[in-house]
């Protein structure tokens, strides 16, 4: 998950108009930055405990963990967790300061907007036909 942010001051970054404590220092006050948050560093908490809230749009069990997609204002957060949350659930998201990594803007920043490691592959898998054939695939005689 890569999000546009503002490094307000040492150890404080702003995303989506909200301030988050972080461990990073050495940026100019109010410098535009890229905020990188690994899917496994995001905790699902009750809505009232969340730093932000969102709606679960997809849940995929991966054997030892769930890949959960959470929509927050159009951004699709990928969360990897051992805790299950059903599709449609409203959840809180909490990120500890050591899970937030602030980076200088790259030459490519802003070209693609915020980026989540979520991919359309999940939607393609959800929409796959039950017999394993691709939609629209014809049969050869």
N, C-alpha and C. Protein backbone atom coordinates (compact mmCIF):
# COMPACT_ATOMS: atom_id res chain seq x y z
N UNK A 1 0.85 -1.17 0.00
CA UNK A 1 0.00 0.00 0.00
C UNK A 1 0.90 1.24 0.00
N UNK A 2 0.80 2.04 -1.03
CA UNK A 2 1.59 3.27 -1.14
C UNK A 2 0.62 4.44 -1.27
N UNK A 3 0.72 5.36 -0.33
CA UNK A 3 -0.24 6.45 -0.24
C UNK A 3 0.50 7.78 -0.26
N UNK A 4 -0.09 8.78 -0.93
CA UNK A 4 0.46 10.14 -0.87
C UNK A 4 0.29 10.67 0.55
N UNK A 5 1.33 11.31 1.05
CA UNK A 5 1.25 11.86 2.39
C UNK A 5 2.01 13.17 2.50
N UNK A 6 1.90 13.77 3.67
CA UNK A 6 2.63 15.00 4.01
C UNK A 6 3.36 14.72 5.32
N UNK A 7 4.67 14.91 5.31
CA UNK A 7 5.44 14.77 6.55
C UNK A 7 5.29 16.07 7.31
N UNK A 8 4.38 16.10 8.26
CA UNK A 8 4.05 17.32 9.00
C UNK A 8 5.26 17.81 9.78
N UNK A 9 5.90 16.90 10.48
CA UNK A 9 7.10 17.19 11.27
C UNK A 9 7.74 15.84 11.58
N UNK A 10 8.90 15.85 12.21
CA UNK A 10 9.52 14.58 12.58
C UNK A 10 8.53 13.73 13.36
N UNK A 11 8.41 12.48 12.92
CA UNK A 11 7.58 11.46 13.58
C UNK A 11 6.07 11.67 13.45
N UNK A 12 5.64 12.54 12.53
CA UNK A 12 4.20 12.73 12.29
C UNK A 12 3.97 12.87 10.79
N UNK A 13 3.19 11.94 10.22
CA UNK A 13 2.85 11.99 8.80
C UNK A 13 1.33 12.12 8.66
N UNK A 14 0.90 12.83 7.64
CA UNK A 14 -0.53 13.01 7.40
C UNK A 14 -0.93 12.28 6.13
N UNK A 15 -2.00 11.48 6.24
CA UNK A 15 -2.62 10.79 5.10
C UNK A 15 -4.12 10.99 5.21
N UNK A 16 -4.78 11.24 4.10
CA UNK A 16 -6.23 11.40 4.08
C UNK A 16 -6.71 12.43 5.10
N UNK A 17 -5.90 13.46 5.34
CA UNK A 17 -6.29 14.51 6.26
C UNK A 17 -6.17 14.13 7.73
N UNK A 18 -5.60 12.95 8.00
CA UNK A 18 -5.43 12.50 9.39
C UNK A 18 -3.94 12.35 9.70
N UNK A 19 -3.58 12.64 10.92
CA UNK A 19 -2.18 12.53 11.33
C UNK A 19 -1.92 11.17 11.98
N UNK A 20 -0.78 10.59 11.61
CA UNK A 20 -0.37 9.30 12.14
C UNK A 20 1.03 9.42 12.73
N UNK A 21 1.24 8.87 13.93
CA UNK A 21 2.61 8.84 14.45
C UNK A 21 3.44 7.84 13.66
N UNK A 22 4.70 8.17 13.43
CA UNK A 22 5.62 7.27 12.72
C UNK A 22 7.00 7.43 13.34
N UNK A 23 7.97 6.68 12.86
CA UNK A 23 9.32 6.73 13.42
C UNK A 23 10.28 7.56 12.58
N UNK A 24 9.83 8.03 11.43
CA UNK A 24 10.72 8.69 10.47
C UNK A 24 11.03 10.13 10.86
N UNK A 25 12.26 10.54 10.52
CA UNK A 25 12.72 11.90 10.78
C UNK A 25 13.55 12.37 9.58
N UNK A 26 13.90 13.66 9.58
CA UNK A 26 14.81 14.18 8.57
C UNK A 26 14.16 14.75 7.33
N UNK A 27 12.84 14.85 7.32
CA UNK A 27 12.14 15.45 6.19
C UNK A 27 11.86 16.92 6.50
N UNK A 28 11.68 17.71 5.45
CA UNK A 28 11.30 19.11 5.65
C UNK A 28 9.88 19.17 6.20
N UNK A 29 9.56 20.17 7.01
CA UNK A 29 8.18 20.31 7.48
C UNK A 29 7.23 20.44 6.29
N UNK A 30 6.14 19.69 6.34
CA UNK A 30 5.10 19.69 5.31
C UNK A 30 5.59 19.22 3.94
N UNK A 31 6.63 18.39 3.92
CA UNK A 31 7.14 17.83 2.66
C UNK A 31 6.21 16.74 2.15
N UNK A 32 5.91 16.77 0.85
CA UNK A 32 5.12 15.71 0.23
C UNK A 32 5.97 14.44 0.20
N UNK A 33 5.37 13.32 0.61
CA UNK A 33 6.09 12.05 0.70
C UNK A 33 5.21 10.90 0.21
N UNK A 34 5.84 9.76 -0.02
CA UNK A 34 5.13 8.51 -0.24
C UNK A 34 5.13 7.75 1.08
N UNK A 35 3.97 7.26 1.48
CA UNK A 35 3.85 6.49 2.71
C UNK A 35 3.63 5.03 2.31
N UNK A 36 4.52 4.17 2.77
CA UNK A 36 4.47 2.75 2.42
C UNK A 36 4.05 1.96 3.66
N UNK A 37 3.00 1.16 3.51
CA UNK A 37 2.50 0.34 4.61
C UNK A 37 2.30 -1.08 4.10
N UNK A 38 3.05 -2.00 4.67
CA UNK A 38 2.96 -3.40 4.26
C UNK A 38 1.61 -3.99 4.71
N UNK A 39 1.01 -4.86 3.88
CA UNK A 39 -0.30 -5.42 4.22
C UNK A 39 -0.35 -6.12 5.57
N UNK A 40 0.74 -6.73 5.98
CA UNK A 40 0.76 -7.45 7.26
C UNK A 40 0.96 -6.51 8.46
N UNK A 41 1.23 -5.23 8.22
CA UNK A 41 1.42 -4.26 9.30
C UNK A 41 0.15 -3.48 9.63
N UNK A 42 -0.97 -3.87 9.05
CA UNK A 42 -2.24 -3.19 9.28
C UNK A 42 -3.10 -4.08 10.17
N UNK A 43 -3.59 -3.53 11.27
CA UNK A 43 -4.43 -4.28 12.19
C UNK A 43 -5.89 -3.92 11.98
N UNK A 44 -6.75 -4.94 12.00
CA UNK A 44 -8.19 -4.73 11.95
C UNK A 44 -8.68 -4.63 13.39
N UNK A 45 -9.40 -3.54 13.68
CA UNK A 45 -9.91 -3.28 15.03
C UNK A 45 -11.37 -2.85 14.92
N UNK A 46 -12.09 -2.83 16.06
CA UNK A 46 -13.45 -2.29 16.02
C UNK A 46 -13.45 -0.86 15.48
N UNK A 47 -14.53 -0.47 14.82
CA UNK A 47 -14.63 0.84 14.17
C UNK A 47 -14.23 1.98 15.11
N UNK A 48 -14.71 1.93 16.35
CA UNK A 48 -14.43 3.03 17.28
C UNK A 48 -12.96 3.11 17.69
N UNK A 49 -12.18 2.07 17.44
CA UNK A 49 -10.75 2.08 17.76
C UNK A 49 -9.86 2.35 16.55
N UNK A 50 -10.46 2.45 15.37
CA UNK A 50 -9.69 2.61 14.14
C UNK A 50 -9.18 4.03 13.92
N UNK A 51 -7.99 4.12 13.35
CA UNK A 51 -7.48 5.42 12.92
C UNK A 51 -8.24 5.88 11.68
N UNK A 52 -8.62 4.92 10.86
CA UNK A 52 -9.54 5.15 9.74
C UNK A 52 -10.48 3.95 9.70
N UNK A 53 -11.60 4.10 8.98
CA UNK A 53 -12.55 3.00 8.86
C UNK A 53 -12.82 2.73 7.39
N UNK A 54 -13.23 1.52 7.11
CA UNK A 54 -13.53 1.15 5.73
C UNK A 54 -14.47 -0.03 5.70
N UNK A 55 -14.81 -0.46 4.48
CA UNK A 55 -15.72 -1.57 4.28
C UNK A 55 -15.00 -2.71 3.58
N UNK A 56 -15.13 -3.91 4.12
CA UNK A 56 -14.52 -5.10 3.54
C UNK A 56 -15.22 -5.41 2.22
N UNK A 57 -14.45 -5.49 1.13
CA UNK A 57 -15.04 -5.77 -0.18
C UNK A 57 -14.66 -7.15 -0.71
N UNK A 58 -13.62 -7.77 -0.14
CA UNK A 58 -13.18 -9.08 -0.61
C UNK A 58 -12.40 -9.77 0.49
N UNK A 59 -12.61 -11.09 0.62
CA UNK A 59 -11.86 -11.90 1.57
C UNK A 59 -11.40 -13.16 0.85
N UNK A 60 -10.10 -13.42 0.87
CA UNK A 60 -9.55 -14.62 0.25
C UNK A 60 -8.69 -15.34 1.28
N UNK A 61 -9.04 -16.60 1.58
CA UNK A 61 -8.24 -17.38 2.52
C UNK A 61 -7.03 -17.92 1.79
N UNK A 62 -5.84 -17.72 2.37
CA UNK A 62 -4.58 -18.11 1.73
C UNK A 62 -3.87 -19.23 2.49
N UNK A 63 -4.58 -20.01 3.28
CA UNK A 63 -3.97 -21.11 4.01
C UNK A 63 -3.65 -20.74 5.44
N UNK A 64 -2.75 -19.80 5.63
CA UNK A 64 -2.38 -19.38 6.98
C UNK A 64 -2.92 -17.99 7.31
N UNK A 65 -3.43 -17.30 6.32
CA UNK A 65 -3.90 -15.93 6.54
C UNK A 65 -5.02 -15.62 5.56
N UNK A 66 -5.68 -14.51 5.82
CA UNK A 66 -6.68 -13.97 4.91
C UNK A 66 -6.08 -12.76 4.22
N UNK A 67 -6.33 -12.62 2.93
CA UNK A 67 -6.08 -11.37 2.21
C UNK A 67 -7.42 -10.66 2.17
N UNK A 68 -7.50 -9.54 2.85
CA UNK A 68 -8.75 -8.80 2.96
C UNK A 68 -8.58 -7.46 2.26
N UNK A 69 -9.51 -7.15 1.37
CA UNK A 69 -9.51 -5.86 0.68
C UNK A 69 -10.52 -4.97 1.38
N UNK A 70 -10.07 -3.79 1.77
CA UNK A 70 -10.92 -2.83 2.47
C UNK A 70 -10.96 -1.54 1.68
N UNK A 71 -12.17 -1.09 1.36
CA UNK A 71 -12.34 0.16 0.62
C UNK A 71 -12.42 1.32 1.60
N UNK A 72 -11.53 2.29 1.41
CA UNK A 72 -11.57 3.53 2.19
C UNK A 72 -11.51 4.68 1.21
N UNK A 73 -12.63 5.33 0.99
CA UNK A 73 -12.71 6.47 0.07
C UNK A 73 -12.16 6.13 -1.31
N UNK A 74 -12.42 4.92 -1.79
CA UNK A 74 -11.99 4.52 -3.12
C UNK A 74 -10.63 3.88 -3.17
N UNK A 75 -9.83 3.99 -2.10
CA UNK A 75 -8.53 3.33 -2.07
C UNK A 75 -8.74 1.92 -1.54
N UNK A 76 -8.19 0.95 -2.22
CA UNK A 76 -8.34 -0.45 -1.83
C UNK A 76 -7.13 -0.88 -1.02
N UNK A 77 -7.29 -0.96 0.28
CA UNK A 77 -6.22 -1.42 1.17
C UNK A 77 -6.15 -2.94 1.11
N UNK A 78 -4.96 -3.49 0.94
CA UNK A 78 -4.75 -4.93 1.08
C UNK A 78 -4.25 -5.16 2.50
N UNK A 79 -4.97 -5.99 3.24
CA UNK A 79 -4.59 -6.33 4.60
C UNK A 79 -4.39 -7.84 4.66
N UNK A 80 -3.27 -8.27 5.22
CA UNK A 80 -3.01 -9.69 5.42
C UNK A 80 -3.09 -9.96 6.92
N UNK A 81 -4.01 -10.85 7.30
CA UNK A 81 -4.29 -11.07 8.72
C UNK A 81 -4.75 -12.50 8.97
N UNK A 82 -4.62 -12.94 10.21
CA UNK A 82 -5.17 -14.23 10.60
C UNK A 82 -6.60 -14.08 11.11
N UNK A 83 -7.07 -12.84 11.24
CA UNK A 83 -8.43 -12.56 11.71
C UNK A 83 -9.38 -12.43 10.52
N UNK A 84 -10.51 -13.11 10.60
CA UNK A 84 -11.50 -13.06 9.52
C UNK A 84 -12.46 -11.90 9.74
N UNK A 85 -12.78 -11.20 8.67
CA UNK A 85 -13.84 -10.19 8.65
C UNK A 85 -14.68 -10.46 7.41
N UNK A 86 -15.99 -10.53 7.54
CA UNK A 86 -16.83 -10.86 6.38
C UNK A 86 -16.97 -9.70 5.40
N UNK A 87 -17.23 -10.04 4.15
CA UNK A 87 -17.49 -9.03 3.12
C UNK A 87 -18.68 -8.18 3.58
N UNK A 88 -18.56 -6.88 3.42
CA UNK A 88 -19.62 -5.95 3.82
C UNK A 88 -19.44 -5.38 5.21
N UNK A 89 -18.53 -5.97 5.99
CA UNK A 89 -18.32 -5.49 7.36
C UNK A 89 -17.65 -4.12 7.34
N UNK A 90 -18.06 -3.28 8.25
CA UNK A 90 -17.41 -1.97 8.46
C UNK A 90 -16.38 -2.21 9.56
N UNK A 91 -15.11 -1.89 9.28
CA UNK A 91 -14.04 -2.18 10.23
C UNK A 91 -13.17 -0.95 10.46
N UNK A 92 -12.45 -0.98 11.55
CA UNK A 92 -11.43 0.03 11.82
C UNK A 92 -10.08 -0.50 11.38
N UNK A 93 -9.21 0.40 10.98
CA UNK A 93 -7.84 0.06 10.59
C UNK A 93 -6.90 0.82 11.51
N UNK A 94 -5.95 0.09 12.09
CA UNK A 94 -4.96 0.70 12.98
C UNK A 94 -3.57 0.34 12.47
N UNK A 95 -2.69 1.33 12.44
CA UNK A 95 -1.32 1.12 11.98
C UNK A 95 -0.38 1.66 13.06
N UNK A 96 0.44 0.78 13.60
CA UNK A 96 1.42 1.20 14.61
C UNK A 96 2.50 2.04 13.95
N UNK A 97 3.12 2.93 14.72
CA UNK A 97 4.17 3.80 14.15
C UNK A 97 5.28 3.05 13.41
N UNK A 98 5.66 1.87 13.90
CA UNK A 98 6.74 1.14 13.22
C UNK A 98 6.28 0.44 11.95
N UNK A 99 4.98 0.48 11.66
CA UNK A 99 4.45 -0.09 10.42
C UNK A 99 4.31 0.93 9.30
N UNK A 100 4.62 2.18 9.60
CA UNK A 100 4.52 3.27 8.62
C UNK A 100 5.92 3.63 8.16
N UNK A 101 6.16 3.54 6.86
CA UNK A 101 7.48 3.84 6.30
C UNK A 101 7.34 5.02 5.34
N UNK A 102 8.02 6.10 5.67
CA UNK A 102 7.93 7.33 4.88
C UNK A 102 9.12 7.40 3.93
N UNK A 103 8.82 7.67 2.66
CA UNK A 103 9.85 7.71 1.62
C UNK A 103 9.78 9.05 0.88
N UNK A 104 10.93 9.49 0.40
CA UNK A 104 10.96 10.66 -0.49
C UNK A 104 10.12 10.33 -1.72
N UNK A 105 9.48 11.32 -2.28
CA UNK A 105 8.72 11.12 -3.51
C UNK A 105 9.67 10.67 -4.62
N UNK A 106 9.24 9.68 -5.38
CA UNK A 106 10.06 9.22 -6.50
C UNK A 106 9.70 10.00 -7.76
N UNK A 107 10.48 9.78 -8.81
CA UNK A 107 10.22 10.44 -10.09
C UNK A 107 8.87 10.02 -10.65
N UNK A 108 8.35 8.87 -10.21
CA UNK A 108 7.09 8.35 -10.73
C UNK A 108 5.90 8.70 -9.86
N UNK A 109 6.15 9.33 -8.72
CA UNK A 109 5.05 9.68 -7.82
C UNK A 109 4.05 10.58 -8.53
N UNK A 110 2.78 10.30 -8.27
CA UNK A 110 1.73 11.13 -8.85
C UNK A 110 1.28 10.68 -10.22
N UNK A 111 2.06 9.82 -10.88
CA UNK A 111 1.66 9.37 -12.22
C UNK A 111 0.54 8.34 -12.14
N UNK A 112 0.50 7.60 -11.06
CA UNK A 112 -0.48 6.53 -10.95
C UNK A 112 -1.43 6.71 -9.77
N UNK A 113 -1.28 7.78 -9.00
CA UNK A 113 -2.09 7.98 -7.82
C UNK A 113 -1.64 7.05 -6.72
N UNK A 114 -2.46 6.93 -5.68
CA UNK A 114 -2.14 6.01 -4.60
C UNK A 114 -2.16 4.60 -5.16
N UNK A 115 -1.36 3.73 -4.58
CA UNK A 115 -1.21 2.38 -5.11
C UNK A 115 -1.40 1.36 -4.01
N UNK A 116 -2.21 0.38 -4.29
CA UNK A 116 -2.37 -0.75 -3.38
C UNK A 116 -1.87 -1.98 -4.09
N UNK A 117 -1.35 -2.93 -3.33
CA UNK A 117 -0.92 -4.18 -3.93
C UNK A 117 -2.12 -5.04 -4.30
N UNK A 118 -3.33 -4.55 -4.00
CA UNK A 118 -4.55 -5.20 -4.47
C UNK A 118 -4.55 -5.17 -5.99
N UNK A 119 -5.00 -6.23 -6.59
CA UNK A 119 -5.02 -6.27 -8.05
C UNK A 119 -6.37 -6.79 -8.52
N UNK A 120 -6.66 -6.54 -9.76
CA UNK A 120 -7.91 -7.04 -10.33
C UNK A 120 -7.94 -8.56 -10.40
N UNK A 121 -6.79 -9.22 -10.13
CA UNK A 121 -6.77 -10.68 -10.13
C UNK A 121 -7.82 -11.23 -9.18
N UNK A 122 -8.00 -10.58 -8.02
CA UNK A 122 -8.99 -11.06 -7.06
C UNK A 122 -10.38 -11.03 -7.67
N UNK A 123 -10.72 -9.92 -8.33
CA UNK A 123 -12.04 -9.81 -8.94
C UNK A 123 -12.18 -10.81 -10.07
N UNK A 124 -11.11 -11.02 -10.84
CA UNK A 124 -11.17 -12.00 -11.92
C UNK A 124 -11.40 -13.39 -11.37
N UNK A 125 -10.74 -13.74 -10.27
CA UNK A 125 -10.93 -15.05 -9.66
C UNK A 125 -12.34 -15.19 -9.10
N UNK A 126 -12.87 -14.12 -8.48
CA UNK A 126 -14.22 -14.17 -7.94
C UNK A 126 -15.26 -14.37 -9.04
N UNK A 127 -14.98 -13.86 -10.25
CA UNK A 127 -15.93 -13.93 -11.35
C UNK A 127 -15.68 -15.10 -12.29
N UNK A 128 -14.73 -15.97 -11.95
CA UNK A 128 -14.42 -17.11 -12.83
C UNK A 128 -15.60 -18.07 -12.87
N UNK A 129 -15.79 -18.71 -14.02
CA UNK A 129 -16.88 -19.67 -14.15
C UNK A 129 -16.55 -20.92 -13.33
N UNK A 130 -17.57 -21.60 -12.80
CA UNK A 130 -17.33 -22.73 -11.91
C UNK A 130 -16.59 -23.90 -12.56
N UNK A 131 -16.70 -24.07 -13.87
CA UNK A 131 -16.03 -25.20 -14.51
C UNK A 131 -14.59 -24.87 -14.90
N UNK A 132 -14.11 -23.69 -14.53
CA UNK A 132 -12.71 -23.33 -14.75
C UNK A 132 -12.43 -22.74 -16.12
N UNK A 133 -13.44 -22.62 -16.98
CA UNK A 133 -13.22 -22.04 -18.30
C UNK A 133 -13.30 -20.53 -18.21
N UNK A 134 -12.57 -19.87 -19.08
CA UNK A 134 -12.65 -18.42 -19.13
C UNK A 134 -13.98 -18.01 -19.72
N UNK A 135 -14.51 -16.90 -19.22
CA UNK A 135 -15.75 -16.39 -19.78
C UNK A 135 -15.55 -16.04 -21.24
N UNK A 136 -16.50 -16.39 -22.06
CA UNK A 136 -16.44 -16.06 -23.47
C UNK A 136 -15.57 -16.99 -24.29
N UNK A 137 -14.98 -18.00 -23.64
CA UNK A 137 -14.12 -18.93 -24.39
C UNK A 137 -15.01 -19.88 -25.18
N UNK A 138 -14.70 -20.03 -26.43
CA UNK A 138 -15.48 -20.93 -27.27
C UNK A 138 -14.91 -22.33 -27.24
N UNK A 139 -15.72 -23.29 -27.64
CA UNK A 139 -15.27 -24.67 -27.71
C UNK A 139 -14.92 -24.99 -29.14
N UNK A 140 -13.76 -25.62 -29.33
CA UNK A 140 -13.39 -26.02 -30.69
C UNK A 140 -13.97 -27.39 -30.97
N UNK A 141 -14.48 -27.58 -32.19
CA UNK A 141 -15.09 -28.85 -32.55
C UNK A 141 -14.09 -29.78 -33.17
